[in-house]
C-alpha atoms as a PDB file:
ATOM      1  CA  UNK A   1       8.363   8.087  14.580  1.00  0.00           C
ATOM      2  CA  UNK A   2       5.956   7.444  12.717  1.00  0.00           C
ATOM      3  CA  UNK A   3       4.320   4.253  13.060  1.00  0.00           C
ATOM      4  CA  UNK A   4       2.025   2.442  10.163  1.00  0.00           C
ATOM      5  CA  UNK A   5      -0.543  -0.491  11.707  1.00  0.00           C
ATOM      6  CA  UNK A   6      -2.399  -2.258   8.516  1.00  0.00           C
ATOM      7  CA  UNK A   7      -5.450  -4.175   8.804  1.00  0.00           C
ATOM      8  CA  UNK A   8      -7.794  -5.814   6.442  1.00  0.00           C
ATOM      9  CA  UNK A   9      -6.532  -8.629   3.863  1.00  0.00           C
ATOM     10  CA  UNK A  10      -7.522 -12.131   4.510  1.00  0.00           C
ATOM     11  CA  UNK A  11      -8.733 -14.905   1.860  1.00  0.00           C
ATOM     12  CA  UNK A  12     -10.380 -14.079  -1.444  1.00  0.00           C
ATOM     13  CA  UNK A  13     -11.213 -16.084  -4.425  1.00  0.00           C
ATOM     14  CA  UNK A  14      -9.592 -15.183  -8.291  1.00  0.00           C
ATOM     15  CA  UNK A  15     -11.571 -12.060  -9.185  1.00  0.00           C
ATOM     16  CA  UNK A  16     -13.029 -11.166  -5.925  1.00  0.00           C
ATOM     17  CA  UNK A  17     -12.093  -8.440  -4.037  1.00  0.00           C
ATOM     18  CA  UNK A  18     -10.657  -7.273  -0.699  1.00  0.00           C
ATOM     19  CA  UNK A  19      -9.236  -4.044   0.936  1.00  0.00           C
ATOM     20  CA  UNK A  20      -6.382  -2.725   3.396  1.00  0.00           C
ATOM     21  CA  UNK A  21      -6.389   0.258   5.805  1.00  0.00           C
ATOM     22  CA  UNK A  22      -3.492   1.452   7.241  1.00  0.00           C
ATOM     23  CA  UNK A  23      -3.529   4.063  10.045  1.00  0.00           C
ATOM     24  CA  UNK A  24      -0.707   6.705  10.536  1.00  0.00           C
ATOM     25  CA  UNK A  25       0.144   8.247  14.219  1.00  0.00           C
ATOM     26  CA  UNK A  26       3.702   9.378  15.697  1.00  0.00           C
ATOM     27  CA  UNK A  27       4.574  12.115  13.387  1.00  0.00           C
ATOM     28  CA  UNK A  28       2.193  11.984  10.194  1.00  0.00           C
ATOM     29  CA  UNK A  29       3.369  15.631   9.410  1.00  0.00           C
ATOM     30  CA  UNK A  30       6.236  14.575   7.889  1.00  0.00           C
ATOM     31  CA  UNK A  31       4.799  12.379   5.838  1.00  0.00           C
ATOM     32  CA  UNK A  32       4.746  13.244   2.262  1.00  0.00           C
ATOM     33  CA  UNK A  33       3.778   9.919   0.009  1.00  0.00           C
ATOM     34  CA  UNK A  34       2.415   6.790   1.667  1.00  0.00           C
ATOM     35  CA  UNK A  35       2.341   2.972  -0.406  1.00  0.00           C
ATOM     36  CA  UNK A  36       1.830  -0.026  -0.551  1.00  0.00           C
ATOM     37  CA  UNK A  37       4.625  -2.804  -1.402  1.00  0.00           C
ATOM     38  CA  UNK A  38       3.800  -6.424  -1.292  1.00  0.00           C
ATOM     39  CA  UNK A  39       6.257  -9.380  -0.849  1.00  0.00           C
ATOM     40  CA  UNK A  40       5.362 -13.101  -2.229  1.00  0.00           C
ATOM     41  CA  UNK A  41       7.011 -16.119  -0.408  1.00  0.00           C
ATOM     42  CA  UNK A  42      10.757 -16.095  -1.543  1.00  0.00           C
ATOM     43  CA  UNK A  43      10.369 -12.784  -3.741  1.00  0.00           C
ATOM     44  CA  UNK A  44      11.818  -9.909  -3.313  1.00  0.00           C
ATOM     45  CA  UNK A  45       9.393  -6.566  -1.789  1.00  0.00           C
ATOM     46  CA  UNK A  46       7.494  -5.411  -4.695  1.00  0.00           C
ATOM     47  CA  UNK A  47       6.207  -1.659  -5.089  1.00  0.00           C
ATOM     48  CA  UNK A  48       2.133  -1.799  -5.823  1.00  0.00           C
ATOM     49  CA  UNK A  49       1.311   1.716  -5.228  1.00  0.00           C
ATOM     50  CA  UNK A  50       1.704   5.610  -3.781  1.00  0.00           C
ATOM     51  CA  UNK A  51      -0.385   8.508  -3.257  1.00  0.00           C
ATOM     52  CA  UNK A  52       0.892  11.543  -2.282  1.00  0.00           C
ATOM     53  CA  UNK A  53      -0.308  12.379   1.572  1.00  0.00           C
ATOM     54  CA  UNK A  54      -0.806  16.187   1.211  1.00  0.00           C
ATOM     55  CA  UNK A  55      -2.396  16.103  -2.492  1.00  0.00           C
ATOM     56  CA  UNK A  56      -3.785  13.345  -3.554  1.00  0.00           C
ATOM     57  CA  UNK A  57      -1.937  12.330  -6.591  1.00  0.00           C
ATOM     58  CA  UNK A  58      -1.178   8.711  -7.346  1.00  0.00           C
ATOM     59  CA  UNK A  59       0.955   6.305  -9.096  1.00  0.00           C
ATOM     60  CA  UNK A  60       0.725   2.292  -9.696  1.00  0.00           C
ATOM     61  CA  UNK A  61       3.294  -0.427 -10.268  1.00  0.00           C
ATOM     62  CA  UNK A  62       1.668  -1.615 -14.030  1.00  0.00           C
ATOM     63  CA  UNK A  63       0.644  -5.094 -12.679  1.00  0.00           C
ATOM     64  CA  UNK A  64      -1.788  -3.664 -10.328  1.00  0.00           C
ATOM     65  CA  UNK A  65      -3.044  -0.492 -12.838  1.00  0.00           C
ATOM     66  CA  UNK A  66      -6.956  -0.324 -13.286  1.00  0.00           C
ATOM     67  CA  UNK A  67      -7.392  -3.222 -10.408  1.00  0.00           C
ATOM     68  CA  UNK A  68      -6.172  -1.363  -7.420  1.00  0.00           C
ATOM     69  CA  UNK A  69      -6.958   1.755  -6.061  1.00  0.00           C
ATOM     70  CA  UNK A  70      -5.137   3.841  -3.449  1.00  0.00           C
ATOM     71  CA  UNK A  71      -6.886   6.543  -1.754  1.00  0.00           C
ATOM     72  CA  UNK A  72      -6.281   8.457   1.732  1.00  0.00           C
ATOM     73  CA  UNK A  73      -8.117  10.261   4.895  1.00  0.00           C
ATOM     74  CA  UNK A  74      -6.209  12.411   5.832  1.00  0.00           C
ATOM     75  CA  UNK A  75      -8.415  12.926   8.563  1.00  0.00           C
ATOM     76  CA  UNK A  76      -8.527   9.875   9.591  1.00  0.00           C
ATOM     77  CA  UNK A  77      -4.797   9.250   9.259  1.00  0.00           C
ATOM     78  CA  UNK A  78      -5.549   6.305   6.923  1.00  0.00           C
ATOM     79  CA  UNK A  79      -4.524   4.947   3.314  1.00  0.00           C
ATOM     80  CA  UNK A  80      -6.614   2.489   2.122  1.00  0.00           C
ATOM     81  CA  UNK A  81      -5.966   0.301  -0.948  1.00  0.00           C
ATOM     82  CA  UNK A  82      -8.743  -1.188  -2.662  1.00  0.00           C
ATOM     83  CA  UNK A  83      -8.046  -4.607  -4.510  1.00  0.00           C
ATOM     84  CA  UNK A  84     -10.322  -5.552  -7.282  1.00  0.00           C
ATOM     85  CA  UNK A  85     -10.163  -8.527  -9.889  1.00  0.00           C
ATOM     86  CA  UNK A  86      -7.995 -10.232  -7.636  1.00  0.00           C
ATOM     87  CA  UNK A  87      -5.616 -12.732  -8.607  1.00  0.00           C
ATOM     88  CA  UNK A  88      -3.482 -15.841  -7.489  1.00  0.00           C
ATOM     89  CA  UNK A  89       0.072 -13.918  -7.941  1.00  0.00           C
ATOM     90  CA  UNK A  90      -1.357 -11.015  -5.732  1.00  0.00           C
ATOM     91  CA  UNK A  91      -0.833 -13.426  -3.183  1.00  0.00           C
ATOM     92  CA  UNK A  92       1.541 -11.821  -0.601  1.00  0.00           C
ATOM     93  CA  UNK A  93       2.252  -9.654   2.111  1.00  0.00           C
ATOM     94  CA  UNK A  94       1.103  -6.295   1.782  1.00  0.00           C
ATOM     95  CA  UNK A  95       3.114  -3.784   3.464  1.00  0.00           C
ATOM     96  CA  UNK A  96       1.973   0.155   4.273  1.00  0.00           C
ATOM     97  CA  UNK A  97       5.202   2.561   3.565  1.00  0.00           C
ATOM     98  CA  UNK A  98       5.709   6.013   4.782  1.00  0.00           C
ATOM     99  CA  UNK A  99       8.160   8.175   2.874  1.00  0.00           C
ATOM    100  CA  UNK A 100       9.146  11.722   3.778  1.00  0.00           C
ATOM    101  CA  UNK A 101       9.897  12.670  -0.073  1.00  0.00           C
ATOM    102  CA  UNK A 102       7.068  13.916  -2.191  1.00  0.00           C
ATOM    103  CA  UNK A 103       5.446  11.738  -4.916  1.00  0.00           C
ATOM    104  CA  UNK A 104       7.141  12.525  -7.502  1.00  0.00           C
ATOM    105  CA  UNK A 105      10.487  12.136  -6.031  1.00  0.00           C
ATOM    106  CA  UNK A 106       9.888   8.639  -4.310  1.00  0.00           C
ATOM    107  CA  UNK A 107       8.437   7.330  -7.276  1.00  0.00           C
ATOM    108  CA  UNK A 108      11.730   6.698  -8.919  1.00  0.00           C
ATOM    109  CA  UNK A 109      13.769   5.804  -6.253  1.00  0.00           C
ATOM    110  CA  UNK A 110      10.918   4.311  -3.550  1.00  0.00           C
ATOM    111  CA  UNK A 111      13.309   5.124  -0.730  1.00  0.00           C
ATOM    112  CA  UNK A 112      10.760   4.547   2.475  1.00  0.00           C
ATOM    113  CA  UNK A 113      11.479   5.731   5.440  1.00  0.00           C
ATOM    114  CA  UNK A 114       8.806   3.502   7.806  1.00  0.00           C
ATOM    115  CA  UNK A 115       7.638   0.083   7.051  1.00  0.00           C
ATOM    116  CA  UNK A 116       4.400  -1.331   8.920  1.00  0.00           C
ATOM    117  CA  UNK A 117       4.061  -4.982  10.067  1.00  0.00           C
ATOM    118  CA  UNK A 118       2.992  -6.380   6.833  1.00  0.00           C
ATOM    119  CA  UNK A 119      -0.795  -7.887   6.446  1.00  0.00           C
ATOM    120  CA  UNK A 120      -1.204 -11.171   4.861  1.00  0.00           C
ATOM    121  CA  UNK A 121      -3.193 -11.597   1.253  1.00  0.00           C
ATOM    122  CA  UNK A 122      -4.138 -15.025  -0.295  1.00  0.00           C
ATOM    123  CA  UNK A 123      -5.728 -15.767  -3.361  1.00  0.00           C
ATOM    124  CA  UNK A 124      -7.205 -19.106  -4.405  1.00  0.00           C
ATOM    125  CA  UNK A 125      -7.515 -20.131  -8.278  1.00  0.00           C
END
């Protein structure tokens, strides 16, 4: 059973930066793609970015491309999301997710096998 624990987040001003971390435990060897999703109030959960756990290839939603960077540290079993040039519309609960599918299989359907508990990001205007 893979367990995901997010940390980071908080409050930032428009144009500011925040960084999120997600620690993976309990079966990371079966994890092939890690990703971040977000859910704003009353909205559906939205895909943000993904990274290949063994390889490092990445994929981004158009809404964050050029502003957010997903990265990983396999030795620390941690995936990161660096968020720059934040906008009020980035305000949401951010969720870390793990998939047993390889990145190129995960991206089209975004089928997640494990979710973290979420961490709040609030961007003030």
